[in-house]
PDB file of all heavy atoms in Angstrom:
ATOM      1  N   LEU A   1      96.736 100.842 103.195  1.00  0.00           N
ATOM      2  CA  LEU A   1      96.371 102.231 103.424  1.00  0.00           C
ATOM      3  C   LEU A   1      96.121 102.447 104.911  1.00  0.00           C
ATOM      4  O   LEU A   1      95.160 101.941 105.482  1.00  0.00           O
ATOM      5  CB  LEU A   1      95.112 102.575 102.621  1.00  0.00           C
ATOM      6  CG  LEU A   1      94.645 104.034 102.666  1.00  0.00           C
ATOM      7  CD1 LEU A   1      95.658 104.944 101.973  1.00  0.00           C
ATOM      8  CD2 LEU A   1      93.267 104.175 102.029  1.00  0.00           C
ATOM      9  N   THR A   2      96.980 103.211 105.557  1.00  0.00           N
ATOM     10  CA  THR A   2      96.892 103.467 106.990  1.00  0.00           C
ATOM     11  C   THR A   2      97.175 104.945 107.244  1.00  0.00           C
ATOM     12  O   THR A   2      97.701 105.639 106.371  1.00  0.00           O
ATOM     13  CB  THR A   2      97.928 102.639 107.770  1.00  0.00           C
ATOM     14  OG1 THR A   2      99.251 103.078 107.384  1.00  0.00           O
ATOM     15  CG2 THR A   2      97.774 101.149 107.498  1.00  0.00           C
ATOM     16  N   PRO A   3      96.845 105.452 108.422  1.00  0.00           N
ATOM     17  CA  PRO A   3      97.212 106.843 108.731  1.00  0.00           C
ATOM     18  C   PRO A   3      98.691 107.126 108.525  1.00  0.00           C
ATOM     19  O   PRO A   3      99.061 108.210 108.052  1.00  0.00           O
ATOM     20  CB  PRO A   3      96.796 106.977 110.200  1.00  0.00           C
ATOM     21  CG  PRO A   3      95.632 106.045 110.328  1.00  0.00           C
ATOM     22  CD  PRO A   3      95.998 104.862 109.478  1.00  0.00           C
ATOM     23  N   ALA A   4      99.542 106.160 108.850  1.00  0.00           N
ATOM     24  CA  ALA A   4     100.984 106.390 108.700  1.00  0.00           C
ATOM     25  C   ALA A   4     101.377 106.547 107.235  1.00  0.00           C
ATOM     26  O   ALA A   4     102.162 107.438 106.881  1.00  0.00           O
ATOM     27  CB  ALA A   4     101.758 105.233 109.334  1.00  0.00           C
ATOM     28  N   THR A   5     100.835 105.682 106.348  1.00  0.00           N
ATOM     29  CA  THR A   5     101.190 105.776 104.931  1.00  0.00           C
ATOM     30  C   THR A   5     100.591 107.039 104.304  1.00  0.00           C
ATOM     31  O   THR A   5     101.205 107.651 103.429  1.00  0.00           O
ATOM     32  CB  THR A   5     100.718 104.541 104.156  1.00  0.00           C
ATOM     33  OG1 THR A   5      99.288 104.405 104.265  1.00  0.00           O
ATOM     34  CG2 THR A   5     101.374 103.279 104.697  1.00  0.00           C
ATOM     35  N   ILE A   6      99.410 107.424 104.742  1.00  0.00           N
ATOM     36  CA  ILE A   6      98.783 108.655 104.231  1.00  0.00           C
ATOM     37  C   ILE A   6      99.602 109.871 104.640  1.00  0.00           C
ATOM     38  O   ILE A   6      99.875 110.767 103.834  1.00  0.00           O
ATOM     39  CB  ILE A   6      97.338 108.773 104.749  1.00  0.00           C
ATOM     40  CG1 ILE A   6      96.479 107.636 104.189  1.00  0.00           C
ATOM     41  CG2 ILE A   6      96.735 110.126 104.371  1.00  0.00           C
ATOM     42  CD1 ILE A   6      95.136 107.487 104.871  1.00  0.00           C
ATOM     43  N   ALA A   7      99.999 109.916 105.901  1.00  0.00           N
ATOM     44  CA  ALA A   7     100.800 111.042 106.382  1.00  0.00           C
ATOM     45  C   ALA A   7     102.124 111.124 105.631  1.00  0.00           C
ATOM     46  O   ALA A   7     102.551 112.223 105.222  1.00  0.00           O
ATOM     47  CB  ALA A   7     101.037 110.901 107.884  1.00  0.00           C
ATOM     48  N   ALA A   8     102.763 109.982 105.423  1.00  0.00           N
ATOM     49  CA  ALA A   8     104.050 109.971 104.723  1.00  0.00           C
ATOM     50  C   ALA A   8     103.897 110.465 103.288  1.00  0.00           C
ATOM     51  O   ALA A   8     104.754 111.207 102.781  1.00  0.00           O
ATOM     52  CB  ALA A   8     104.635 108.565 104.734  1.00  0.00           C
ATOM     53  N   ALA A   9     102.799 110.078 102.629  1.00  0.00           N
ATOM     54  CA  ALA A   9     102.577 110.494 101.244  1.00  0.00           C
ATOM     55  C   ALA A   9     102.386 111.998 101.118  1.00  0.00           C
ATOM     56  O   ALA A   9     102.603 112.572 100.046  1.00  0.00           O
ATOM     57  CB  ALA A   9     101.372 109.761 100.658  1.00  0.00           C
ATOM     58  N   HIS A  10     101.974 112.655 102.221  1.00  0.00           N
ATOM     59  CA  HIS A  10     101.723 114.094 102.180  1.00  0.00           C
ATOM     60  C   HIS A  10     102.743 114.890 103.001  1.00  0.00           C
ATOM     61  O   HIS A  10     102.557 116.081 103.253  1.00  0.00           O
ATOM     62  CB  HIS A  10     100.299 114.389 102.663  1.00  0.00           C
ATOM     63  CG  HIS A  10      99.255 113.893 101.714  1.00  0.00           C
ATOM     64  ND1 HIS A  10      98.818 112.585 101.729  1.00  0.00           N
ATOM     65  CD2 HIS A  10      98.593 114.515 100.700  1.00  0.00           C
ATOM     66  CE1 HIS A  10      97.917 112.428 100.765  1.00  0.00           C
ATOM     67  NE2 HIS A  10      97.773 113.560 100.137  1.00  0.00           N
ATOM     68  N   HIS A  11     103.808 114.185 103.423  1.00  0.00           N
ATOM     69  CA  HIS A  11     104.937 114.829 104.101  1.00  0.00           C
ATOM     70  C   HIS A  11     104.504 115.579 105.362  1.00  0.00           C
ATOM     71  O   HIS A  11     104.943 116.703 105.628  1.00  0.00           O
ATOM     72  CB  HIS A  11     105.665 115.779 103.134  1.00  0.00           C
ATOM     73  CG  HIS A  11     106.004 115.157 101.829  1.00  0.00           C
ATOM     74  ND1 HIS A  11     106.978 114.189 101.692  1.00  0.00           N
ATOM     75  CD2 HIS A  11     105.468 115.334 100.576  1.00  0.00           C
ATOM     76  CE1 HIS A  11     107.058 113.806 100.429  1.00  0.00           C
ATOM     77  NE2 HIS A  11     106.150 114.477  99.737  1.00  0.00           N
ATOM     78  N   ILE A  12     103.622 114.946 106.111  1.00  0.00           N
ATOM     79  CA  ILE A  12     103.198 115.497 107.398  1.00  0.00           C
ATOM     80  C   ILE A  12     103.306 114.394 108.437  1.00  0.00           C
ATOM     81  O   ILE A  12     103.434 113.211 108.110  1.00  0.00           O
ATOM     82  CB  ILE A  12     101.742 116.032 107.357  1.00  0.00           C
ATOM     83  CG1 ILE A  12     100.766 114.915 106.973  1.00  0.00           C
ATOM     84  CG2 ILE A  12     101.626 117.207 106.392  1.00  0.00           C
ATOM     85  CD1 ILE A  12      99.306 115.337 107.014  1.00  0.00           C
ATOM     86  N   SER A  13     103.234 114.765 109.702  1.00  0.00           N
ATOM     87  CA  SER A  13     103.292 113.764 110.766  1.00  0.00           C
ATOM     88  C   SER A  13     101.922 113.105 110.935  1.00  0.00           C
ATOM     89  O   SER A  13     100.881 113.677 110.574  1.00  0.00           O
ATOM     90  CB  SER A  13     103.706 114.414 112.091  1.00  0.00           C
ATOM     91  OG  SER A  13     102.683 115.290 112.546  1.00  0.00           O
ATOM     92  N   THR A  14     101.931 111.908 111.494  1.00  0.00           N
ATOM     93  CA  THR A  14     100.666 111.210 111.741  1.00  0.00           C
ATOM     94  C   THR A  14      99.811 111.984 112.735  1.00  0.00           C
ATOM     95  O   THR A  14      98.584 112.058 112.593  1.00  0.00           O
ATOM     96  CB  THR A  14     100.939 109.793 112.270  1.00  0.00           C
ATOM     97  OG1 THR A  14     101.789 109.098 111.353  1.00  0.00           O
ATOM     98  CG2 THR A  14      99.646 109.008 112.422  1.00  0.00           C
ATOM     99  N   SER A  15     100.429 112.591 113.718  1.00  0.00           N
ATOM    100  CA  SER A  15      99.656 113.353 114.700  1.00  0.00           C
ATOM    101  C   SER A  15      98.975 114.555 114.052  1.00  0.00           C
ATOM    102  O   SER A  15      97.820 114.883 114.376  1.00  0.00           O
ATOM    103  CB  SER A  15     100.561 113.811 115.852  1.00  0.00           C
ATOM    104  OG  SER A  15     101.608 114.645 115.372  1.00  0.00           O
ATOM    105  N   TYR A  16      99.669 115.216 113.105  1.00  0.00           N
ATOM    106  CA  TYR A  16      99.040 116.348 112.418  1.00  0.00           C
ATOM    107  C   TYR A  16      97.888 115.870 111.530  1.00  0.00           C
ATOM    108  O   TYR A  16      96.847 116.528 111.422  1.00  0.00           O
ATOM    109  CB  TYR A  16     100.060 117.106 111.585  1.00  0.00           C
ATOM    110  CG  TYR A  16      99.492 118.352 110.929  1.00  0.00           C
ATOM    111  CD1 TYR A  16      98.980 119.389 111.702  1.00  0.00           C
ATOM    112  CD2 TYR A  16      99.456 118.484 109.548  1.00  0.00           C
ATOM    113  CE1 TYR A  16      98.449 120.526 111.122  1.00  0.00           C
ATOM    114  CE2 TYR A  16      98.924 119.616 108.957  1.00  0.00           C
ATOM    115  CZ  TYR A  16      98.424 120.630 109.746  1.00  0.00           C
ATOM    116  OH  TYR A  16      97.890 121.758 109.165  1.00  0.00           O
ATOM    117  N   LEU A  17      98.054 114.715 110.901  1.00  0.00           N
ATOM    118  CA  LEU A  17      96.965 114.130 110.100  1.00  0.00           C
ATOM    119  C   LEU A  17      95.719 113.933 110.958  1.00  0.00           C
ATOM    120  O   LEU A  17      94.603 114.269 110.547  1.00  0.00           O
ATOM    121  CB  LEU A  17      97.416 112.799 109.501  1.00  0.00           C
ATOM    122  CG  LEU A  17      96.339 112.011 108.747  1.00  0.00           C
ATOM    123  CD1 LEU A  17      95.907 112.744 107.480  1.00  0.00           C
ATOM    124  CD2 LEU A  17      96.847 110.606 108.405  1.00  0.00           C
ATOM    125  N   HIS A  18      95.906 113.380 112.144  1.00  0.00           N
ATOM    126  CA  HIS A  18      94.748 113.171 113.028  1.00  0.00           C
ATOM    127  C   HIS A  18      94.117 114.496 113.433  1.00  0.00           C
ATOM    128  O   HIS A  18      92.882 114.583 113.547  1.00  0.00           O
ATOM    129  CB  HIS A  18      95.179 112.381 114.268  1.00  0.00           C
ATOM    130  CG  HIS A  18      95.488 110.938 113.988  1.00  0.00           C
ATOM    131  ND1 HIS A  18      94.570 110.088 113.426  1.00  0.00           N
ATOM    132  CD2 HIS A  18      96.614 110.199 114.206  1.00  0.00           C
ATOM    133  CE1 HIS A  18      95.108 108.871 113.304  1.00  0.00           C
ATOM    134  NE2 HIS A  18      96.352 108.920 113.766  1.00  0.00           N
ATOM    135  N   ARG A  19      94.920 115.528 113.625  1.00  0.00           N
ATOM    136  CA  ARG A  19      94.356 116.840 113.967  1.00  0.00           C
ATOM    137  C   ARG A  19      93.526 117.398 112.813  1.00  0.00           C
ATOM    138  O   ARG A  19      92.484 118.024 113.034  1.00  0.00           O
ATOM    139  CB  ARG A  19      95.472 117.822 114.340  1.00  0.00           C
ATOM    140  CG  ARG A  19      96.122 117.529 115.684  1.00  0.00           C
ATOM    141  CD  ARG A  19      96.840 118.750 116.240  1.00  0.00           C
ATOM    142  NE  ARG A  19      97.912 119.232 115.385  1.00  0.00           N
ATOM    143  CZ  ARG A  19      99.159 118.772 115.412  1.00  0.00           C
ATOM    144  NH1 ARG A  19      99.487 117.791 116.259  1.00  0.00           N
ATOM    145  NH2 ARG A  19     100.086 119.273 114.616  1.00  0.00           N
ATOM    146  N   LEU A  20      93.967 117.158 111.581  1.00  0.00           N
ATOM    147  CA  LEU A  20      93.214 117.632 110.423  1.00  0.00           C
ATOM    148  C   LEU A  20      91.812 117.032 110.377  1.00  0.00           C
ATOM    149  O   LEU A  20      90.861 117.676 109.923  1.00  0.00           O
ATOM    150  CB  LEU A  20      93.955 117.286 109.127  1.00  0.00           C
ATOM    151  CG  LEU A  20      95.224 118.063 108.807  1.00  0.00           C
ATOM    152  CD1 LEU A  20      95.898 117.494 107.563  1.00  0.00           C
ATOM    153  CD2 LEU A  20      94.929 119.542 108.607  1.00  0.00           C
ATOM    154  N   PHE A  21      91.672 115.808 110.848  1.00  0.00           N
ATOM    155  CA  PHE A  21      90.393 115.112 110.742  1.00  0.00           C
ATOM    156  C   PHE A  21      89.484 115.347 111.950  1.00  0.00           C
ATOM    157  O   PHE A  21      88.388 114.790 111.998  1.00  0.00           O
ATOM    158  CB  PHE A  21      90.620 113.609 110.538  1.00  0.00           C
ATOM    159  CG  PHE A  21      90.791 113.234 109.088  1.00  0.00           C
ATOM    160  CD1 PHE A  21      91.948 113.550 108.403  1.00  0.00           C
ATOM    161  CD2 PHE A  21      89.771 112.588 108.404  1.00  0.00           C
ATOM    162  CE1 PHE A  21      92.101 113.224 107.060  1.00  0.00           C
ATOM    163  CE2 PHE A  21      89.907 112.252 107.065  1.00  0.00           C
ATOM    164  CZ  PHE A  21      91.081 112.570 106.396  1.00  0.00           C
ATOM    165  N   ARG A  22      89.910 116.167 112.889  1.00  0.00           N
ATOM    166  CA  ARG A  22      89.050 116.433 114.040  1.00  0.00           C
ATOM    167  C   ARG A  22      87.745 117.107 113.628  1.00  0.00           C
ATOM    168  O   ARG A  22      86.715 116.931 114.283  1.00  0.00           O
ATOM    169  CB  ARG A  22      89.788 117.313 115.052  1.00  0.00           C
ATOM    170  CG  ARG A  22      90.847 116.564 115.839  1.00  0.00           C
ATOM    171  CD  ARG A  22      91.590 117.513 116.767  1.00  0.00           C
ATOM    172  NE  ARG A  22      92.660 116.819 117.475  1.00  0.00           N
ATOM    173  CZ  ARG A  22      93.595 117.426 118.191  1.00  0.00           C
ATOM    174  NH1 ARG A  22      93.580 118.759 118.285  1.00  0.00           N
ATOM    175  NH2 ARG A  22      94.526 116.738 118.794  1.00  0.00           N
ATOM    176  N   ASP A  23      87.758 117.878 112.539  1.00  0.00           N
ATOM    177  CA  ASP A  23      86.551 118.560 112.084  1.00  0.00           C
ATOM    178  C   ASP A  23      85.700 117.693 111.156  1.00  0.00           C
ATOM    179  O   ASP A  23      84.663 118.149 110.673  1.00  0.00           O
ATOM    180  CB  ASP A  23      86.919 119.859 111.343  1.00  0.00           C
ATOM    181  CG  ASP A  23      87.585 120.870 112.257  1.00  0.00           C
ATOM    182  OD1 ASP A  23      87.324 120.814 113.470  1.00  0.00           O
ATOM    183  OD2 ASP A  23      88.365 121.695 111.753  1.00  0.00           O
ATOM    184  N   GLU A  24      86.119 116.463 110.895  1.00  0.00           N
ATOM    185  CA  GLU A  24      85.392 115.598 109.964  1.00  0.00           C
ATOM    186  C   GLU A  24      84.422 114.652 110.669  1.00  0.00           C
ATOM    187  O   GLU A  24      83.819 113.800 110.040  1.00  0.00           O
ATOM    188  CB  GLU A  24      86.391 114.761 109.134  1.00  0.00           C
ATOM    189  CG  GLU A  24      87.400 115.582 108.375  1.00  0.00           C
ATOM    190  CD  GLU A  24      86.728 116.574 107.433  1.00  0.00           C
ATOM    191  OE1 GLU A  24      85.789 116.181 106.733  1.00  0.00           O
ATOM    192  OE2 GLU A  24      87.155 117.747 107.426  1.00  0.00           O
ATOM    193  N   ASP A  25      84.256 114.810 111.971  1.00  0.00           N
ATOM    194  CA  ASP A  25      83.347 113.952 112.741  1.00  0.00           C
ATOM    195  C   ASP A  25      83.717 112.477 112.600  1.00  0.00           C
ATOM    196  O   ASP A  25      82.854 111.599 112.617  1.00  0.00           O
ATOM    197  CB  ASP A  25      81.900 114.172 112.302  1.00  0.00           C
ATOM    198  CG  ASP A  25      80.901 113.533 113.267  1.00  0.00           C
ATOM    199  OD1 ASP A  25      81.230 113.449 114.463  1.00  0.00           O
ATOM    200  OD2 ASP A  25      79.811 113.124 112.822  1.00  0.00           O
ATOM    201  N   ALA A  26      85.001 112.196 112.438  1.00  0.00           N
ATOM    202  CA  ALA A  26      85.479 110.817 112.314  1.00  0.00           C
ATOM    203  C   ALA A  26      86.991 110.828 112.400  1.00  0.00           C
ATOM    204  O   ALA A  26      87.649 111.786 111.957  1.00  0.00           O
ATOM    205  CB  ALA A  26      85.043 110.196 110.983  1.00  0.00           C
ATOM    206  N   THR A  27      87.556 109.770 112.973  1.00  0.00           N
ATOM    207  CA  THR A  27      88.998 109.615 112.930  1.00  0.00           C
ATOM    208  C   THR A  27      89.407 109.247 111.509  1.00  0.00           C
ATOM    209  O   THR A  27      88.561 108.951 110.659  1.00  0.00           O
ATOM    210  CB  THR A  27      89.457 108.517 113.890  1.00  0.00           C
ATOM    211  OG1 THR A  27      88.944 107.251 113.420  1.00  0.00           O
ATOM    212  CG2 THR A  27      88.963 108.768 115.303  1.00  0.00           C
ATOM    213  N   VAL A  28      90.702 109.267 111.245  1.00  0.00           N
ATOM    214  CA  VAL A  28      91.174 108.896 109.910  1.00  0.00           C
ATOM    215  C   VAL A  28      90.732 107.480 109.567  1.00  0.00           C
ATOM    216  O   VAL A  28      90.206 107.211 108.475  1.00  0.00           O
ATOM    217  CB  VAL A  28      92.705 109.011 109.813  1.00  0.00           C
ATOM    218  CG1 VAL A  28      93.186 108.617 108.420  1.00  0.00           C
ATOM    219  CG2 VAL A  28      93.170 110.413 110.169  1.00  0.00           C
ATOM    220  N   ALA A  29      90.927 106.548 110.504  1.00  0.00           N
ATOM    221  CA  ALA A  29      90.548 105.158 110.253  1.00  0.00           C
ATOM    222  C   ALA A  29      89.046 105.026 110.022  1.00  0.00           C
ATOM    223  O   ALA A  29      88.601 104.258 109.154  1.00  0.00           O
ATOM    224  CB  ALA A  29      90.991 104.277 111.426  1.00  0.00           C
ATOM    225  N   GLU A  30      88.254 105.762 110.787  1.00  0.00           N
ATOM    226  CA  GLU A  30      86.802 105.711 110.602  1.00  0.00           C
ATOM    227  C   GLU A  30      86.399 106.287 109.249  1.00  0.00           C
ATOM    228  O   GLU A  30      85.492 105.762 108.591  1.00  0.00           O
ATOM    229  CB  GLU A  30      86.104 106.483 111.726  1.00  0.00           C
ATOM    230  CG  GLU A  30      86.153 105.786 113.078  1.00  0.00           C
ATOM    231  CD  GLU A  30      85.684 106.693 114.211  1.00  0.00           C
ATOM    232  OE1 GLU A  30      85.591 107.928 114.001  1.00  0.00           O
ATOM    233  OE2 GLU A  30      85.421 106.165 115.305  1.00  0.00           O
ATOM    234  N   TRP A  31      87.070 107.342 108.825  1.00  0.00           N
ATOM    235  CA  TRP A  31      86.751 107.949 107.534  1.00  0.00           C
ATOM    236  C   TRP A  31      87.055 106.977 106.407  1.00  0.00           C
ATOM    237  O   TRP A  31      86.261 106.834 105.463  1.00  0.00           O
ATOM    238  CB  TRP A  31      87.560 109.240 107.370  1.00  0.00           C
ATOM    239  CG  TRP A  31      86.965 110.220 106.410  1.00  0.00           C
ATOM    240  CD1 TRP A  31      86.089 111.223 106.699  1.00  0.00           C
ATOM    241  CD2 TRP A  31      87.215 110.296 105.003  1.00  0.00           C
ATOM    242  NE1 TRP A  31      85.762 111.911 105.556  1.00  0.00           N
ATOM    243  CE2 TRP A  31      86.437 111.371 104.503  1.00  0.00           C
ATOM    244  CE3 TRP A  31      88.002 109.564 104.119  1.00  0.00           C
ATOM    245  CZ2 TRP A  31      86.443 111.725 103.154  1.00  0.00           C
ATOM    246  CZ3 TRP A  31      87.997 109.919 102.766  1.00  0.00           C
ATOM    247  CH2 TRP A  31      87.226 110.991 102.301  1.00  0.00           C
ATOM    248  N   ILE A  32      88.191 106.276 106.502  1.00  0.00           N
ATOM    249  CA  ILE A  32      88.535 105.266 105.496  1.00  0.00           C
ATOM    250  C   ILE A  32      87.498 104.154 105.493  1.00  0.00           C
ATOM    251  O   ILE A  32      87.028 103.709 104.433  1.00  0.00           O
ATOM    252  CB  ILE A  32      89.940 104.692 105.775  1.00  0.00           C
ATOM    253  CG1 ILE A  32      91.005 105.774 105.596  1.00  0.00           C
ATOM    254  CG2 ILE A  32      90.228 103.504 104.865  1.00  0.00           C
ATOM    255  CD1 ILE A  32      92.389 105.349 106.049  1.00  0.00           C
ATOM    256  N   ARG A  33      87.115 103.682 106.683  1.00  0.00           N
ATOM    257  CA  ARG A  33      86.144 102.587 106.772  1.00  0.00           C
ATOM    258  C   ARG A  33      84.809 102.985 106.155  1.00  0.00           C
ATOM    259  O   ARG A  33      84.184 102.198 105.439  1.00  0.00           O
ATOM    260  CB  ARG A  33      85.944 102.175 108.234  1.00  0.00           C
ATOM    261  CG  ARG A  33      85.092 100.910 108.395  1.00  0.00           C
ATOM    262  CD  ARG A  33      84.854 100.564 109.841  1.00  0.00           C
ATOM    263  NE  ARG A  33      86.097 100.482 110.598  1.00  0.00           N
ATOM    264  CZ  ARG A  33      86.451 101.334 111.556  1.00  0.00           C
ATOM    265  NH1 ARG A  33      85.655 102.333 111.888  1.00  0.00           N
ATOM    266  NH2 ARG A  33      87.583 101.181 112.191  1.00  0.00           N
ATOM    267  N   ARG A  34      84.367 104.202 106.392  1.00  0.00           N
ATOM    268  CA  ARG A  34      83.093 104.657 105.814  1.00  0.00           C
ATOM    269  C   ARG A  34      83.149 104.670 104.300  1.00  0.00           C
ATOM    270  O   ARG A  34      82.202 104.241 103.626  1.00  0.00           O
ATOM    271  CB  ARG A  34      82.752 106.066 106.331  1.00  0.00           C
ATOM    272  CG  ARG A  34      82.353 106.121 107.794  1.00  0.00           C
ATOM    273  CD  ARG A  34      82.100 107.563 108.214  1.00  0.00           C
ATOM    274  NE  ARG A  34      81.853 107.676 109.644  1.00  0.00           N
ATOM    275  CZ  ARG A  34      81.677 108.835 110.273  1.00  0.00           C
ATOM    276  NH1 ARG A  34      81.715 109.972 109.581  1.00  0.00           N
ATOM    277  NH2 ARG A  34      81.445 108.864 111.583  1.00  0.00           N
ATOM    278  N   ARG A  35      84.246 105.188 103.733  1.00  0.00           N
ATOM    279  CA  ARG A  35      84.355 105.235 102.279  1.00  0.00           C
ATOM    280  C   ARG A  35      84.413 103.821 101.696  1.00  0.00           C
ATOM    281  O   ARG A  35      83.848 103.562 100.632  1.00  0.00           O
ATOM    282  CB  ARG A  35      85.611 106.012 101.866  1.00  0.00           C
ATOM    283  CG  ARG A  35      85.719 107.429 102.396  1.00  0.00           C
ATOM    284  CD  ARG A  35      84.700 108.389 101.815  1.00  0.00           C
ATOM    285  NE  ARG A  35      83.439 108.383 102.509  1.00  0.00           N
ATOM    286  CZ  ARG A  35      83.215 108.966 103.698  1.00  0.00           C
ATOM    287  NH1 ARG A  35      84.182 109.580 104.344  1.00  0.00           N
ATOM    288  NH2 ARG A  35      82.012 108.939 104.237  1.00  0.00           N
ATOM    289  N   ARG A  36      85.087 102.907 102.382  1.00  0.00           N
ATOM    290  CA  ARG A  36      85.154 101.532 101.888  1.00  0.00           C
ATOM    291  C   ARG A  36      83.786 100.856 101.964  1.00  0.00           C
ATOM    292  O   ARG A  36      83.392 100.124 101.051  1.00  0.00           O
ATOM    293  CB  ARG A  36      86.193 100.755 102.704  1.00  0.00           C
ATOM    294  CG  ARG A  36      87.625 101.075 102.311  1.00  0.00           C
ATOM    295  CD  ARG A  36      88.637 100.394 103.193  1.00  0.00           C
ATOM    296  NE  ARG A  36      89.970 100.415 102.577  1.00  0.00           N
ATOM    297  CZ  ARG A  36      91.089 100.117 103.208  1.00  0.00           C
ATOM    298  NH1 ARG A  36      91.058  99.799 104.502  1.00  0.00           N
ATOM    299  NH2 ARG A  36      92.242 100.145 102.566  1.00  0.00           N
ATOM    300  N   LEU A  37      83.040 101.096 103.035  1.00  0.00           N
ATOM    301  CA  LEU A  37      81.697 100.531 103.144  1.00  0.00           C
ATOM    302  C   LEU A  37      80.779 101.098 102.065  1.00  0.00           C
ATOM    303  O   LEU A  37      79.966 100.362 101.491  1.00  0.00           O
ATOM    304  CB  LEU A  37      81.130 100.811 104.543  1.00  0.00           C
ATOM    305  CG  LEU A  37      81.701  99.971 105.684  1.00  0.00           C
ATOM    306  CD1 LEU A  37      81.236 100.515 107.036  1.00  0.00           C
ATOM    307  CD2 LEU A  37      81.286  98.502 105.537  1.00  0.00           C
ATOM    308  N   GLU A  38      80.903 102.392 101.784  1.00  0.00           N
ATOM    309  CA  GLU A  38      80.089 102.992 100.725  1.00  0.00           C
ATOM    310  C   GLU A  38      80.404 102.350  99.374  1.00  0.00           C
ATOM    311  O   GLU A  38      79.490 102.073  98.579  1.00  0.00           O
ATOM    312  CB  GLU A  38      80.346 104.499 100.655  1.00  0.00           C
ATOM    313  CG  GLU A  38      79.777 105.278 101.829  1.00  0.00           C
ATOM    314  CD  GLU A  38      80.263 106.721 101.854  1.00  0.00           C
ATOM    315  OE1 GLU A  38      81.051 107.099 100.951  1.00  0.00           O
ATOM    316  OE2 GLU A  38      79.856 107.474 102.760  1.00  0.00           O
ATOM    317  N   ALA A  39      81.687 102.113  99.095  1.00  0.00           N
ATOM    318  CA  ALA A  39      82.076 101.496  97.827  1.00  0.00           C
ATOM    319  C   ALA A  39      81.556 100.061  97.742  1.00  0.00           C
ATOM    320  O   ALA A  39      81.040  99.631  96.702  1.00  0.00           O
ATOM    321  CB  ALA A  39      83.596 101.527  97.678  1.00  0.00           C
ATOM    322  N   ALA A  40      81.684  99.313  98.834  1.00  0.00           N
ATOM    323  CA  ALA A  40      81.175  97.947  98.856  1.00  0.00           C
ATOM    324  C   ALA A  40      79.661  97.923  98.685  1.00  0.00           C
ATOM    325  O   ALA A  40      79.105  97.064  97.980  1.00  0.00           O
ATOM    326  CB  ALA A  40      81.567  97.264 100.170  1.00  0.00           C
TER     327      ALA A  40
END
């Protein structure tokens, strides 16, 4: 699971994916890491 695979699954560019997450107070990778730490 990476920004590239996520973007491809939603038919958008990786750069647009990163722009979507600018309002989430975390990069895509940071958001994934937080959710994984919460699950662990």
